[in-house]
Amino acid sequence: MRVTKLVVGILLLVLAAWLLIDGVANGILGIWTDPNYVYASLEIILAGLFIGAGVVYIVQEDSPFLGGDITGLILLVIGGIIGIVGGFMDRWMFLYAVISLVVGVGFFIWHSKTCEDI
């Protein structure tokens, strides 16, 4: 679980960097399409949540307790809700919502099943 949390935390940080670049370049500046400020705001908020969850997973990678997983679950469920709402403006946000929900719920269930005695 330790290596998986480290890798997923790094991937969440990379995805957050992409969301920030895309939110500013595409949503606010309108480089590829027409500007959509609501979509850009949701994408930047989602990037912030991914940064928070990625940092939590990297820092709490070796912890036997559920605190980091609960924090990641809450951040990524909020990110999933934002992704679903933003998905009606751009279909890529549905993908980000699925990634967010699968990672958050998956790590929480995995850690709670493997460490039942703690």
PDB file of N, CA and C in Angstrom:
ATOM      1  N   MET A   1       0.824  -1.187   0.000  1.00  0.00           N
ATOM      2  CA  MET A   1       0.000   0.000   0.000  1.00  0.00           C
ATOM      3  C   MET A   1       0.868   1.251   0.000  1.00  0.00           C
ATOM      4  N   ARG A   2       2.063   1.153   0.587  1.00  0.00           N
ATOM      5  CA  ARG A   2       2.910   2.324   0.706  1.00  0.00           C
ATOM      6  C   ARG A   2       3.318   2.870  -0.659  1.00  0.00           C
ATOM      7  N   VAL A   3       3.798   1.996  -1.533  1.00  0.00           N
ATOM      8  CA  VAL A   3       4.240   2.437  -2.858  1.00  0.00           C
ATOM      9  C   VAL A   3       3.048   2.924  -3.681  1.00  0.00           C
ATOM     10  N   THR A   4       1.918   2.252  -3.538  1.00  0.00           N
ATOM     11  CA  THR A   4       0.730   2.651  -4.296  1.00  0.00           C
ATOM     12  C   THR A   4       0.271   4.048  -3.898  1.00  0.00           C
ATOM     13  N   LYS A   5       0.277   4.338  -2.604  1.00  0.00           N
ATOM     14  CA  LYS A   5      -0.112   5.684  -2.167  1.00  0.00           C
ATOM     15  C   LYS A   5       0.864   6.730  -2.665  1.00  0.00           C
ATOM     16  N   LEU A   6       2.146   6.409  -2.667  1.00  0.00           N
ATOM     17  CA  LEU A   6       3.140   7.354  -3.147  1.00  0.00           C
ATOM     18  C   LEU A   6       2.946   7.631  -4.644  1.00  0.00           C
ATOM     19  N   VAL A   7       2.747   6.583  -5.426  1.00  0.00           N
ATOM     20  CA  VAL A   7       2.566   6.745  -6.873  1.00  0.00           C
ATOM     21  C   VAL A   7       1.274   7.496  -7.182  1.00  0.00           C
ATOM     22  N   VAL A   8       0.185   7.127  -6.516  1.00  0.00           N
ATOM     23  CA  VAL A   8      -1.089   7.810  -6.765  1.00  0.00           C
ATOM     24  C   VAL A   8      -1.026   9.261  -6.299  1.00  0.00           C
ATOM     25  N   GLY A   9      -0.329   9.532  -5.203  1.00  0.00           N
ATOM     26  CA  GLY A   9      -0.162  10.911  -4.757  1.00  0.00           C
ATOM     27  C   GLY A   9       0.582  11.755  -5.777  1.00  0.00           C
ATOM     28  N   ILE A  10       1.647  11.188  -6.358  1.00  0.00           N
ATOM     29  CA  ILE A  10       2.393  11.908  -7.395  1.00  0.00           C
ATOM     30  C   ILE A  10       1.529  12.103  -8.641  1.00  0.00           C
ATOM     31  N   LEU A  11       0.780  11.078  -9.029  1.00  0.00           N
ATOM     32  CA  LEU A  11      -0.098  11.206 -10.198  1.00  0.00           C
ATOM     33  C   LEU A  11      -1.206  12.235  -9.967  1.00  0.00           C
ATOM     34  N   LEU A  12      -1.718  12.319  -8.744  1.00  0.00           N
ATOM     35  CA  LEU A  12      -2.714  13.354  -8.441  1.00  0.00           C
ATOM     36  C   LEU A  12      -2.110  14.748  -8.550  1.00  0.00           C
ATOM     37  N   LEU A  13      -0.850  14.898  -8.132  1.00  0.00           N
ATOM     38  CA  LEU A  13      -0.193  16.196  -8.264  1.00  0.00           C
ATOM     39  C   LEU A  13       0.041  16.554  -9.726  1.00  0.00           C
ATOM     40  N   VAL A  14       0.402  15.577 -10.547  1.00  0.00           N
ATOM     41  CA  VAL A  14       0.598  15.833 -11.982  1.00  0.00           C
ATOM     42  C   VAL A  14      -0.739  16.188 -12.637  1.00  0.00           C
ATOM     43  N   LEU A  15      -1.802  15.458 -12.291  1.00  0.00           N
ATOM     44  CA  LEU A  15      -3.126  15.767 -12.831  1.00  0.00           C
ATOM     45  C   LEU A  15      -3.590  17.149 -12.375  1.00  0.00           C
ATOM     46  N   ALA A  16      -3.264  17.520 -11.148  1.00  0.00           N
ATOM     47  CA  ALA A  16      -3.627  18.847 -10.657  1.00  0.00           C
ATOM     48  C   ALA A  16      -2.893  19.935 -11.431  1.00  0.00           C
ATOM     49  N   ALA A  17      -1.625  19.692 -11.764  1.00  0.00           N
ATOM     50  CA  ALA A  17      -0.882  20.668 -12.559  1.00  0.00           C
ATOM     51  C   ALA A  17      -1.518  20.824 -13.938  1.00  0.00           C
ATOM     52  N   TRP A  18      -1.931  19.695 -14.540  1.00  0.00           N
ATOM     53  CA  TRP A  18      -2.608  19.775 -15.839  1.00  0.00           C
ATOM     54  C   TRP A  18      -3.928  20.539 -15.721  1.00  0.00           C
ATOM     55  N   LEU A  19      -4.685  20.291 -14.658  1.00  0.00           N
ATOM     56  CA  LEU A  19      -5.964  20.986 -14.482  1.00  0.00           C
ATOM     57  C   LEU A  19      -5.753  22.488 -14.307  1.00  0.00           C
ATOM     58  N   LEU A  20      -4.706  22.875 -13.581  1.00  0.00           N
ATOM     59  CA  LEU A  20      -4.420  24.306 -13.423  1.00  0.00           C
ATOM     60  C   LEU A  20      -4.057  24.945 -14.765  1.00  0.00           C
ATOM     61  N   ILE A  21      -3.205  24.283 -15.530  1.00  0.00           N
ATOM     62  CA  ILE A  21      -2.816  24.820 -16.837  1.00  0.00           C
ATOM     63  C   ILE A  21      -4.020  24.898 -17.764  1.00  0.00           C
ATOM     64  N   ASP A  22      -4.815  23.836 -17.797  1.00  0.00           N
ATOM     65  CA  ASP A  22      -5.983  23.823 -18.670  1.00  0.00           C
ATOM     66  C   ASP A  22      -7.040  24.831 -18.223  1.00  0.00           C
ATOM     67  N   GLY A  23      -7.211  24.979 -16.913  1.00  0.00           N
ATOM     68  CA  GLY A  23      -8.191  25.935 -16.407  1.00  0.00           C
ATOM     69  C   GLY A  23      -7.837  27.364 -16.763  1.00  0.00           C
ATOM     70  N   VAL A  24      -6.558  27.688 -16.675  1.00  0.00           N
ATOM     71  CA  VAL A  24      -6.137  29.049 -16.995  1.00  0.00           C
ATOM     72  C   VAL A  24      -6.087  29.262 -18.510  1.00  0.00           C
ATOM     73  N   ALA A  25      -5.452  28.322 -19.222  1.00  0.00           N
ATOM     74  CA  ALA A  25      -5.264  28.513 -20.667  1.00  0.00           C
ATOM     75  C   ALA A  25      -6.566  28.380 -21.445  1.00  0.00           C
ATOM     76  N   ASN A  26      -7.333  27.370 -21.145  1.00  0.00           N
ATOM     77  CA  ASN A  26      -8.541  27.112 -21.927  1.00  0.00           C
ATOM     78  C   ASN A  26      -9.757  27.830 -21.345  1.00  0.00           C
ATOM     79  N   GLY A  27      -9.928  27.753 -20.035  1.00  0.00           N
ATOM     80  CA  GLY A  27     -11.131  28.312 -19.431  1.00  0.00           C
ATOM     81  C   GLY A  27     -11.129  29.819 -19.301  1.00  0.00           C
ATOM     82  N   ILE A  28     -10.012  30.384 -18.886  1.00  0.00           N
ATOM     83  CA  ILE A  28      -9.971  31.831 -18.644  1.00  0.00           C
ATOM     84  C   ILE A  28      -9.485  32.590 -19.877  1.00  0.00           C
ATOM     85  N   LEU A  29      -8.354  32.165 -20.447  1.00  0.00           N
ATOM     86  CA  LEU A  29      -7.798  32.875 -21.590  1.00  0.00           C
ATOM     87  C   LEU A  29      -8.469  32.502 -22.901  1.00  0.00           C
ATOM     88  N   GLY A  30      -9.046  31.321 -22.982  1.00  0.00           N
ATOM     89  CA  GLY A  30      -9.736  30.894 -24.187  1.00  0.00           C
ATOM     90  C   GLY A  30      -8.807  30.622 -25.349  1.00  0.00           C
ATOM     91  N   ILE A  31      -7.679  29.970 -25.090  1.00  0.00           N
ATOM     92  CA  ILE A  31      -6.699  29.708 -26.154  1.00  0.00           C
ATOM     93  C   ILE A  31      -7.246  28.708 -27.169  1.00  0.00           C
ATOM     94  N   TRP A  32      -7.833  27.587 -26.704  1.00  0.00           N
ATOM     95  CA  TRP A  32      -8.311  26.560 -27.634  1.00  0.00           C
ATOM     96  C   TRP A  32      -9.794  26.713 -27.969  1.00  0.00           C
ATOM     97  N   THR A  33     -10.590  27.154 -27.018  1.00  0.00           N
ATOM     98  CA  THR A  33     -12.024  27.337 -27.247  1.00  0.00           C
ATOM     99  C   THR A  33     -12.440  28.680 -26.651  1.00  0.00           C
ATOM    100  N   ASP A  34     -13.731  28.944 -26.681  1.00  0.00           N
ATOM    101  CA  ASP A  34     -14.239  30.163 -26.067  1.00  0.00           C
ATOM    102  C   ASP A  34     -14.076  30.091 -24.556  1.00  0.00           C
ATOM    103  N   PRO A  35     -13.786  31.210 -23.896  1.00  0.00           N
ATOM    104  CA  PRO A  35     -13.610  31.186 -22.450  1.00  0.00           C
ATOM    105  C   PRO A  35     -14.902  30.792 -21.729  1.00  0.00           C
ATOM    106  N   ASN A  36     -14.766  30.002 -20.701  1.00  0.00           N
ATOM    107  CA  ASN A  36     -15.879  29.612 -19.852  1.00  0.00           C
ATOM    108  C   ASN A  36     -15.391  29.751 -18.415  1.00  0.00           C
ATOM    109  N   TYR A  37     -15.773  30.832 -17.768  1.00  0.00           N
ATOM    110  CA  TYR A  37     -15.220  31.148 -16.461  1.00  0.00           C
ATOM    111  C   TYR A  37     -15.732  30.224 -15.361  1.00  0.00           C
ATOM    112  N   VAL A  38     -16.948  29.740 -15.479  1.00  0.00           N
ATOM    113  CA  VAL A  38     -17.487  28.820 -14.472  1.00  0.00           C
ATOM    114  C   VAL A  38     -16.735  27.501 -14.538  1.00  0.00           C
ATOM    115  N   TYR A  39     -16.551  26.981 -15.737  1.00  0.00           N
ATOM    116  CA  TYR A  39     -15.804  25.734 -15.917  1.00  0.00           C
ATOM    117  C   TYR A  39     -14.369  25.893 -15.427  1.00  0.00           C
ATOM    118  N   ALA A  40     -13.747  27.026 -15.740  1.00  0.00           N
ATOM    119  CA  ALA A  40     -12.368  27.269 -15.306  1.00  0.00           C
ATOM    120  C   ALA A  40     -12.280  27.333 -13.789  1.00  0.00           C
ATOM    121  N   SER A  41     -13.248  27.958 -13.158  1.00  0.00           N
ATOM    122  CA  SER A  41     -13.249  28.031 -11.696  1.00  0.00           C
ATOM    123  C   SER A  41     -13.390  26.650 -11.073  1.00  0.00           C
ATOM    124  N   LEU A  42     -14.304  25.846 -11.629  1.00  0.00           N
ATOM    125  CA  LEU A  42     -14.473  24.486 -11.110  1.00  0.00           C
ATOM    126  C   LEU A  42     -13.217  23.650 -11.328  1.00  0.00           C
ATOM    127  N   GLU A  43     -12.560  23.838 -12.457  1.00  0.00           N
ATOM    128  CA  GLU A  43     -11.352  23.080 -12.749  1.00  0.00           C
ATOM    129  C   GLU A  43     -10.211  23.490 -11.814  1.00  0.00           C
ATOM    130  N   ILE A  44     -10.096  24.752 -11.509  1.00  0.00           N
ATOM    131  CA  ILE A  44      -9.050  25.220 -10.603  1.00  0.00           C
ATOM    132  C   ILE A  44      -9.337  24.754  -9.175  1.00  0.00           C
ATOM    133  N   ILE A  45     -10.595  24.763  -8.749  1.00  0.00           N
ATOM    134  CA  ILE A  45     -10.954  24.238  -7.425  1.00  0.00           C
ATOM    135  C   ILE A  45     -10.663  22.746  -7.350  1.00  0.00           C
ATOM    136  N   LEU A  46     -10.986  22.013  -8.402  1.00  0.00           N
ATOM    137  CA  LEU A  46     -10.702  20.580  -8.457  1.00  0.00           C
ATOM    138  C   LEU A  46      -9.201  20.323  -8.402  1.00  0.00           C
ATOM    139  N   ALA A  47      -8.416  21.161  -9.059  1.00  0.00           N
ATOM    140  CA  ALA A  47      -6.961  21.027  -8.997  1.00  0.00           C
ATOM    141  C   ALA A  47      -6.455  21.243  -7.576  1.00  0.00           C
ATOM    142  N   GLY A  48      -7.028  22.198  -6.878  1.00  0.00           N
ATOM    143  CA  GLY A  48      -6.645  22.418  -5.477  1.00  0.00           C
ATOM    144  C   GLY A  48      -6.974  21.229  -4.600  1.00  0.00           C
ATOM    145  N   LEU A  49      -8.123  20.616  -4.828  1.00  0.00           N
ATOM    146  CA  LEU A  49      -8.495  19.425  -4.058  1.00  0.00           C
ATOM    147  C   LEU A  49      -7.573  18.259  -4.387  1.00  0.00           C
ATOM    148  N   PHE A  50      -7.187  18.112  -5.651  1.00  0.00           N
ATOM    149  CA  PHE A  50      -6.253  17.056  -6.033  1.00  0.00           C
ATOM    150  C   PHE A  50      -4.877  17.291  -5.417  1.00  0.00           C
ATOM    151  N   ILE A  51      -4.443  18.546  -5.352  1.00  0.00           N
ATOM    152  CA  ILE A  51      -3.167  18.851  -4.710  1.00  0.00           C
ATOM    153  C   ILE A  51      -3.221  18.477  -3.237  1.00  0.00           C
ATOM    154  N   GLY A  52      -4.309  18.839  -2.572  1.00  0.00           N
ATOM    155  CA  GLY A  52      -4.448  18.493  -1.156  1.00  0.00           C
ATOM    156  C   GLY A  52      -4.452  16.996  -0.926  1.00  0.00           C
ATOM    157  N   ALA A  53      -5.211  16.261  -1.717  1.00  0.00           N
ATOM    158  CA  ALA A  53      -5.283  14.812  -1.557  1.00  0.00           C
ATOM    159  C   ALA A  53      -3.952  14.156  -1.911  1.00  0.00           C
ATOM    160  N   GLY A  54      -3.278  14.646  -2.944  1.00  0.00           N
ATOM    161  CA  GLY A  54      -1.985  14.087  -3.326  1.00  0.00           C
ATOM    162  C   GLY A  54      -0.943  14.286  -2.246  1.00  0.00           C
ATOM    163  N   VAL A  55      -0.915  15.460  -1.649  1.00  0.00           N
ATOM    164  CA  VAL A  55       0.037  15.730  -0.570  1.00  0.00           C
ATOM    165  C   VAL A  55      -0.286  14.860   0.647  1.00  0.00           C
ATOM    166  N   VAL A  56      -1.566  14.703   0.965  1.00  0.00           N
ATOM    167  CA  VAL A  56      -1.951  13.857   2.097  1.00  0.00           C
ATOM    168  C   VAL A  56      -1.521  12.420   1.858  1.00  0.00           C
ATOM    169  N   TYR A  57      -1.728  11.906   0.661  1.00  0.00           N
ATOM    170  CA  TYR A  57      -1.337  10.528   0.373  1.00  0.00           C
ATOM    171  C   TYR A  57       0.178  10.351   0.407  1.00  0.00           C
ATOM    172  N   ILE A  58       0.935  11.350  -0.050  1.00  0.00           N
ATOM    173  CA  ILE A  58       2.392  11.244  -0.011  1.00  0.00           C
ATOM    174  C   ILE A  58       2.903  11.313   1.434  1.00  0.00           C
ATOM    175  N   VAL A  59       2.366  12.227   2.218  1.00  0.00           N
ATOM    176  CA  VAL A  59       2.830  12.391   3.592  1.00  0.00           C
ATOM    177  C   VAL A  59       2.417  11.211   4.472  1.00  0.00           C
ATOM    178  N   GLN A  60       1.216  10.705   4.284  1.00  0.00           N
ATOM    179  CA  GLN A  60       0.683   9.630   5.129  1.00  0.00           C
ATOM    180  C   GLN A  60       0.850   8.248   4.507  1.00  0.00           C
ATOM    181  N   GLU A  61       1.833   8.080   3.634  1.00  0.00           N
ATOM    182  CA  GLU A  61       1.971   6.815   2.918  1.00  0.00           C
ATOM    183  C   GLU A  61       2.257   5.629   3.822  1.00  0.00           C
ATOM    184  N   ASP A  62       2.985   5.826   4.912  1.00  0.00           N
ATOM    185  CA  ASP A  62       3.395   4.714   5.764  1.00  0.00           C
ATOM    186  C   ASP A  62       2.612   4.673   7.082  1.00  0.00           C
ATOM    187  N   SER A  63       1.581   5.472   7.194  1.00  0.00           N
ATOM    188  CA  SER A  63       0.817   5.537   8.432  1.00  0.00           C
ATOM    189  C   SER A  63      -0.152   4.354   8.544  1.00  0.00           C
ATOM    190  N   PRO A  64      -0.176   3.695   9.701  1.00  0.00           N
ATOM    191  CA  PRO A  64      -1.119   2.581   9.865  1.00  0.00           C
ATOM    192  C   PRO A  64      -2.529   3.048  10.222  1.00  0.00           C
ATOM    193  N   PHE A  65      -2.710   4.318  10.439  1.00  0.00           N
ATOM    194  CA  PHE A  65      -4.004   4.845  10.863  1.00  0.00           C
ATOM    195  C   PHE A  65      -4.810   5.338   9.665  1.00  0.00           C
ATOM    196  N   LEU A  66      -6.094   5.537   9.867  1.00  0.00           N
ATOM    197  CA  LEU A  66      -7.007   5.907   8.787  1.00  0.00           C
ATOM    198  C   LEU A  66      -7.156   7.420   8.576  1.00  0.00           C
ATOM    199  N   GLY A  67      -6.427   8.229   9.316  1.00  0.00           N
ATOM    200  CA  GLY A  67      -6.599   9.680   9.226  1.00  0.00           C
ATOM    201  C   GLY A  67      -6.331  10.228   7.837  1.00  0.00           C
ATOM    202  N   GLY A  68      -5.241   9.808   7.222  1.00  0.00           N
ATOM    203  CA  GLY A  68      -4.923  10.274   5.875  1.00  0.00           C
ATOM    204  C   GLY A  68      -5.924   9.790   4.847  1.00  0.00           C
ATOM    205  N   ASP A  69      -6.407   8.558   5.022  1.00  0.00           N
ATOM    206  CA  ASP A  69      -7.389   8.026   4.082  1.00  0.00           C
ATOM    207  C   ASP A  69      -8.741   8.713   4.224  1.00  0.00           C
ATOM    208  N   ILE A  70      -9.116   9.058   5.441  1.00  0.00           N
ATOM    209  CA  ILE A  70     -10.379   9.768   5.640  1.00  0.00           C
ATOM    210  C   ILE A  70     -10.287  11.171   5.043  1.00  0.00           C
ATOM    211  N   THR A  71      -9.149  11.835   5.251  1.00  0.00           N
ATOM    212  CA  THR A  71      -8.957  13.162   4.667  1.00  0.00           C
ATOM    213  C   THR A  71      -8.982  13.094   3.145  1.00  0.00           C
ATOM    214  N   GLY A  72      -8.262  12.119   2.571  1.00  0.00           N
ATOM    215  CA  GLY A  72      -8.278  11.940   1.122  1.00  0.00           C
ATOM    216  C   GLY A  72      -9.669  11.611   0.610  1.00  0.00           C
ATOM    217  N   LEU A  73     -10.407  10.780   1.357  1.00  0.00           N
ATOM    218  CA  LEU A  73     -11.774  10.438   0.961  1.00  0.00           C
ATOM    219  C   LEU A  73     -12.656  11.679   0.908  1.00  0.00           C
ATOM    220  N   ILE A  74     -12.591  12.508   1.919  1.00  0.00           N
ATOM    221  CA  ILE A  74     -13.427  13.709   1.960  1.00  0.00           C
ATOM    222  C   ILE A  74     -13.057  14.668   0.820  1.00  0.00           C
ATOM    223  N   LEU A  75     -11.755  14.895   0.639  1.00  0.00           N
ATOM    224  CA  LEU A  75     -11.324  15.800  -0.432  1.00  0.00           C
ATOM    225  C   LEU A  75     -11.730  15.280  -1.805  1.00  0.00           C
ATOM    226  N   LEU A  76     -11.565  13.981  -2.029  1.00  0.00           N
ATOM    227  CA  LEU A  76     -11.839  13.441  -3.350  1.00  0.00           C
ATOM    228  C   LEU A  76     -13.330  13.233  -3.601  1.00  0.00           C
ATOM    229  N   VAL A  77     -14.129  13.033  -2.565  1.00  0.00           N
ATOM    230  CA  VAL A  77     -15.579  12.985  -2.774  1.00  0.00           C
ATOM    231  C   VAL A  77     -16.098  14.379  -3.133  1.00  0.00           C
ATOM    232  N   ILE A  78     -15.579  15.391  -2.468  1.00  0.00           N
ATOM    233  CA  ILE A  78     -15.943  16.764  -2.848  1.00  0.00           C
ATOM    234  C   ILE A  78     -15.501  17.041  -4.286  1.00  0.00           C
ATOM    235  N   GLY A  79     -14.290  16.564  -4.643  1.00  0.00           N
ATOM    236  CA  GLY A  79     -13.814  16.702  -6.016  1.00  0.00           C
ATOM    237  C   GLY A  79     -14.685  15.949  -7.004  1.00  0.00           C
ATOM    238  N   GLY A  80     -15.191  14.781  -6.603  1.00  0.00           N
ATOM    239  CA  GLY A  80     -16.093  14.029  -7.473  1.00  0.00           C
ATOM    240  C   GLY A  80     -17.395  14.760  -7.713  1.00  0.00           C
ATOM    241  N   ILE A  81     -17.920  15.381  -6.674  1.00  0.00           N
ATOM    242  CA  ILE A  81     -19.156  16.151  -6.823  1.00  0.00           C
ATOM    243  C   ILE A  81     -18.925  17.353  -7.740  1.00  0.00           C
ATOM    244  N   ILE A  82     -17.799  18.037  -7.562  1.00  0.00           N
ATOM    245  CA  ILE A  82     -17.474  19.167  -8.426  1.00  0.00           C
ATOM    246  C   ILE A  82     -17.276  18.696  -9.864  1.00  0.00           C
ATOM    247  N   GLY A  83     -16.650  17.535 -10.041  1.00  0.00           N
ATOM    248  CA  GLY A  83     -16.453  16.992 -11.381  1.00  0.00           C
ATOM    249  C   GLY A  83     -17.757  16.632 -12.059  1.00  0.00           C
ATOM    250  N   ILE A  84     -18.700  16.098 -11.307  1.00  0.00           N
ATOM    251  CA  ILE A  84     -20.005  15.768 -11.884  1.00  0.00           C
ATOM    252  C   ILE A  84     -20.750  17.038 -12.284  1.00  0.00           C
ATOM    253  N   VAL A  85     -20.705  18.052 -11.431  1.00  0.00           N
ATOM    254  CA  VAL A  85     -21.360  19.318 -11.764  1.00  0.00           C
ATOM    255  C   VAL A  85     -20.701  19.958 -12.987  1.00  0.00           C
ATOM    256  N   GLY A  86     -19.365  19.953 -13.035  1.00  0.00           N
ATOM    257  CA  GLY A  86     -18.653  20.529 -14.165  1.00  0.00           C
ATOM    258  C   GLY A  86     -18.756  19.693 -15.425  1.00  0.00           C
ATOM    259  N   GLY A  87     -19.125  18.422 -15.275  1.00  0.00           N
ATOM    260  CA  GLY A  87     -19.248  17.550 -16.431  1.00  0.00           C
ATOM    261  C   GLY A  87     -20.349  17.956 -17.383  1.00  0.00           C
ATOM    262  N   PHE A  88     -21.299  18.717 -16.902  1.00  0.00           N
ATOM    263  CA  PHE A  88     -22.365  19.184 -17.787  1.00  0.00           C
ATOM    264  C   PHE A  88     -21.894  20.348 -18.670  1.00  0.00           C
ATOM    265  N   MET A  89     -20.730  20.924 -18.326  1.00  0.00           N
ATOM    266  CA  MET A  89     -20.150  21.975 -19.157  1.00  0.00           C
ATOM    267  C   MET A  89     -19.069  21.435 -20.080  1.00  0.00           C
ATOM    268  N   ASP A  90     -18.341  20.429 -19.620  1.00  0.00           N
ATOM    269  CA  ASP A  90     -17.296  19.808 -20.425  1.00  0.00           C
ATOM    270  C   ASP A  90     -17.206  18.343 -20.022  1.00  0.00           C
ATOM    271  N   ARG A  91     -17.200  17.467 -20.998  1.00  0.00           N
ATOM    272  CA  ARG A  91     -17.256  16.028 -20.726  1.00  0.00           C
ATOM    273  C   ARG A  91     -16.024  15.500 -20.009  1.00  0.00           C
ATOM    274  N   TRP A  92     -14.889  16.182 -20.121  1.00  0.00           N
ATOM    275  CA  TRP A  92     -13.686  15.714 -19.446  1.00  0.00           C
ATOM    276  C   TRP A  92     -13.826  15.751 -17.936  1.00  0.00           C
ATOM    277  N   MET A  93     -14.672  16.630 -17.428  1.00  0.00           N
ATOM    278  CA  MET A  93     -14.855  16.710 -15.974  1.00  0.00           C
ATOM    279  C   MET A  93     -15.486  15.443 -15.416  1.00  0.00           C
ATOM    280  N   PHE A  94     -16.278  14.727 -16.224  1.00  0.00           N
ATOM    281  CA  PHE A  94     -16.806  13.436 -15.767  1.00  0.00           C
ATOM    282  C   PHE A  94     -15.665  12.447 -15.526  1.00  0.00           C
ATOM    283  N   LEU A  95     -14.650  12.465 -16.384  1.00  0.00           N
ATOM    284  CA  LEU A  95     -13.490  11.599 -16.189  1.00  0.00           C
ATOM    285  C   LEU A  95     -12.757  11.956 -14.896  1.00  0.00           C
ATOM    286  N   TYR A  96     -12.582  13.240 -14.639  1.00  0.00           N
ATOM    287  CA  TYR A  96     -11.919  13.672 -13.415  1.00  0.00           C
ATOM    288  C   TYR A  96     -12.749  13.282 -12.185  1.00  0.00           C
ATOM    289  N   ALA A  97     -14.073  13.326 -12.317  1.00  0.00           N
ATOM    290  CA  ALA A  97     -14.935  12.910 -11.213  1.00  0.00           C
ATOM    291  C   ALA A  97     -14.781  11.422 -10.933  1.00  0.00           C
ATOM    292  N   VAL A  98     -14.722  10.613 -11.974  1.00  0.00           N
ATOM    293  CA  VAL A  98     -14.557   9.166 -11.793  1.00  0.00           C
ATOM    294  C   VAL A  98     -13.201   8.858 -11.168  1.00  0.00           C
ATOM    295  N   ILE A  99     -12.139   9.507 -11.649  1.00  0.00           N
ATOM    296  CA  ILE A  99     -10.811   9.310 -11.072  1.00  0.00           C
ATOM    297  C   ILE A  99     -10.826   9.684  -9.601  1.00  0.00           C
ATOM    298  N   SER A 100     -11.439  10.800  -9.287  1.00  0.00           N
ATOM    299  CA  SER A 100     -11.496  11.277  -7.918  1.00  0.00           C
ATOM    300  C   SER A 100     -12.238  10.294  -7.011  1.00  0.00           C
ATOM    301  N   LEU A 101     -13.392   9.837  -7.441  1.00  0.00           N
ATOM    302  CA  LEU A 101     -14.180   8.928  -6.607  1.00  0.00           C
ATOM    303  C   LEU A 101     -13.527   7.554  -6.478  1.00  0.00           C
ATOM    304  N   VAL A 102     -12.962   7.041  -7.552  1.00  0.00           N
ATOM    305  CA  VAL A 102     -12.323   5.719  -7.490  1.00  0.00           C
ATOM    306  C   VAL A 102     -11.114   5.744  -6.563  1.00  0.00           C
ATOM    307  N   VAL A 103     -10.289   6.771  -6.651  1.00  0.00           N
ATOM    308  CA  VAL A 103      -9.102   6.839  -5.800  1.00  0.00           C
ATOM    309  C   VAL A 103      -9.492   7.044  -4.343  1.00  0.00           C
ATOM    310  N   GLY A 104     -10.376   7.982  -4.070  1.00  0.00           N
ATOM    311  CA  GLY A 104     -10.753   8.272  -2.682  1.00  0.00           C
ATOM    312  C   GLY A 104     -11.438   7.110  -1.992  1.00  0.00           C
ATOM    313  N   VAL A 105     -12.467   6.585  -2.618  1.00  0.00           N
ATOM    314  CA  VAL A 105     -13.215   5.477  -2.022  1.00  0.00           C
ATOM    315  C   VAL A 105     -12.371   4.197  -2.028  1.00  0.00           C
ATOM    316  N   GLY A 106     -11.600   3.985  -3.092  1.00  0.00           N
ATOM    317  CA  GLY A 106     -10.777   2.785  -3.189  1.00  0.00           C
ATOM    318  C   GLY A 106      -9.736   2.696  -2.090  1.00  0.00           C
ATOM    319  N   PHE A 107      -8.997   3.782  -1.856  1.00  0.00           N
ATOM    320  CA  PHE A 107      -7.992   3.744  -0.791  1.00  0.00           C
ATOM    321  C   PHE A 107      -8.628   3.603   0.581  1.00  0.00           C
ATOM    322  N   PHE A 108      -9.759   4.256   0.789  1.00  0.00           N
ATOM    323  CA  PHE A 108     -10.407   4.147   2.097  1.00  0.00           C
ATOM    324  C   PHE A 108     -10.862   2.708   2.363  1.00  0.00           C
ATOM    325  N   ILE A 109     -11.492   2.082   1.385  1.00  0.00           N
ATOM    326  CA  ILE A 109     -11.953   0.699   1.569  1.00  0.00           C
ATOM    327  C   ILE A 109     -10.765  -0.242   1.707  1.00  0.00           C
ATOM    328  N   TRP A 110      -9.747  -0.051   0.868  1.00  0.00           N
ATOM    329  CA  TRP A 110      -8.574  -0.919   0.907  1.00  0.00           C
ATOM    330  C   TRP A 110      -7.888  -0.850   2.263  1.00  0.00           C
ATOM    331  N   HIS A 111      -7.682   0.367   2.779  1.00  0.00           N
ATOM    332  CA  HIS A 111      -6.991   0.505   4.053  1.00  0.00           C
ATOM    333  C   HIS A 111      -7.856   0.028   5.212  1.00  0.00           C
ATOM    334  N   SER A 112      -9.145   0.265   5.153  1.00  0.00           N
ATOM    335  CA  SER A 112      -9.998  -0.187   6.255  1.00  0.00           C
ATOM    336  C   SER A 112     -10.139  -1.711   6.269  1.00  0.00           C
ATOM    337  N   LYS A 113     -10.030  -2.374   5.132  1.00  0.00           N
ATOM    338  CA  LYS A 113     -10.104  -3.844   5.088  1.00  0.00           C
ATOM    339  C   LYS A 113      -8.785  -4.489   5.515  1.00  0.00           C
ATOM    340  N   THR A 114      -7.667  -3.887   5.158  1.00  0.00           N
ATOM    341  CA  THR A 114      -6.379  -4.514   5.485  1.00  0.00           C
ATOM    342  C   THR A 114      -5.912  -4.228   6.893  1.00  0.00           C
ATOM    343  N   CYS A 115      -6.386  -3.167   7.510  1.00  0.00           N
ATOM    344  CA  CYS A 115      -5.946  -2.797   8.870  1.00  0.00           C
ATOM    345  C   CYS A 115      -7.154  -2.693   9.790  1.00  0.00           C
ATOM    346  N   GLU A 116      -7.856  -3.788   9.981  1.00  0.00           N
ATOM    347  CA  GLU A 116      -9.077  -3.767  10.785  1.00  0.00           C
ATOM    348  C   GLU A 116      -8.794  -3.632  12.280  1.00  0.00           C
ATOM    349  N   ASP A 117      -7.635  -4.084  12.736  1.00  0.00           N
ATOM    350  CA  ASP A 117      -7.357  -4.077  14.161  1.00  0.00           C
ATOM    351  C   ASP A 117      -6.887  -2.739  14.692  1.00  0.00           C
ATOM    352  N   ILE A 118      -6.561  -1.804  13.824  1.00  0.00           N
ATOM    353  CA  ILE A 118      -6.051  -0.502  14.286  1.00  0.00           C
ATOM    354  C   ILE A 118      -7.180   0.501  14.354  1.00  0.00           C
TER     355      ILE A 118
END
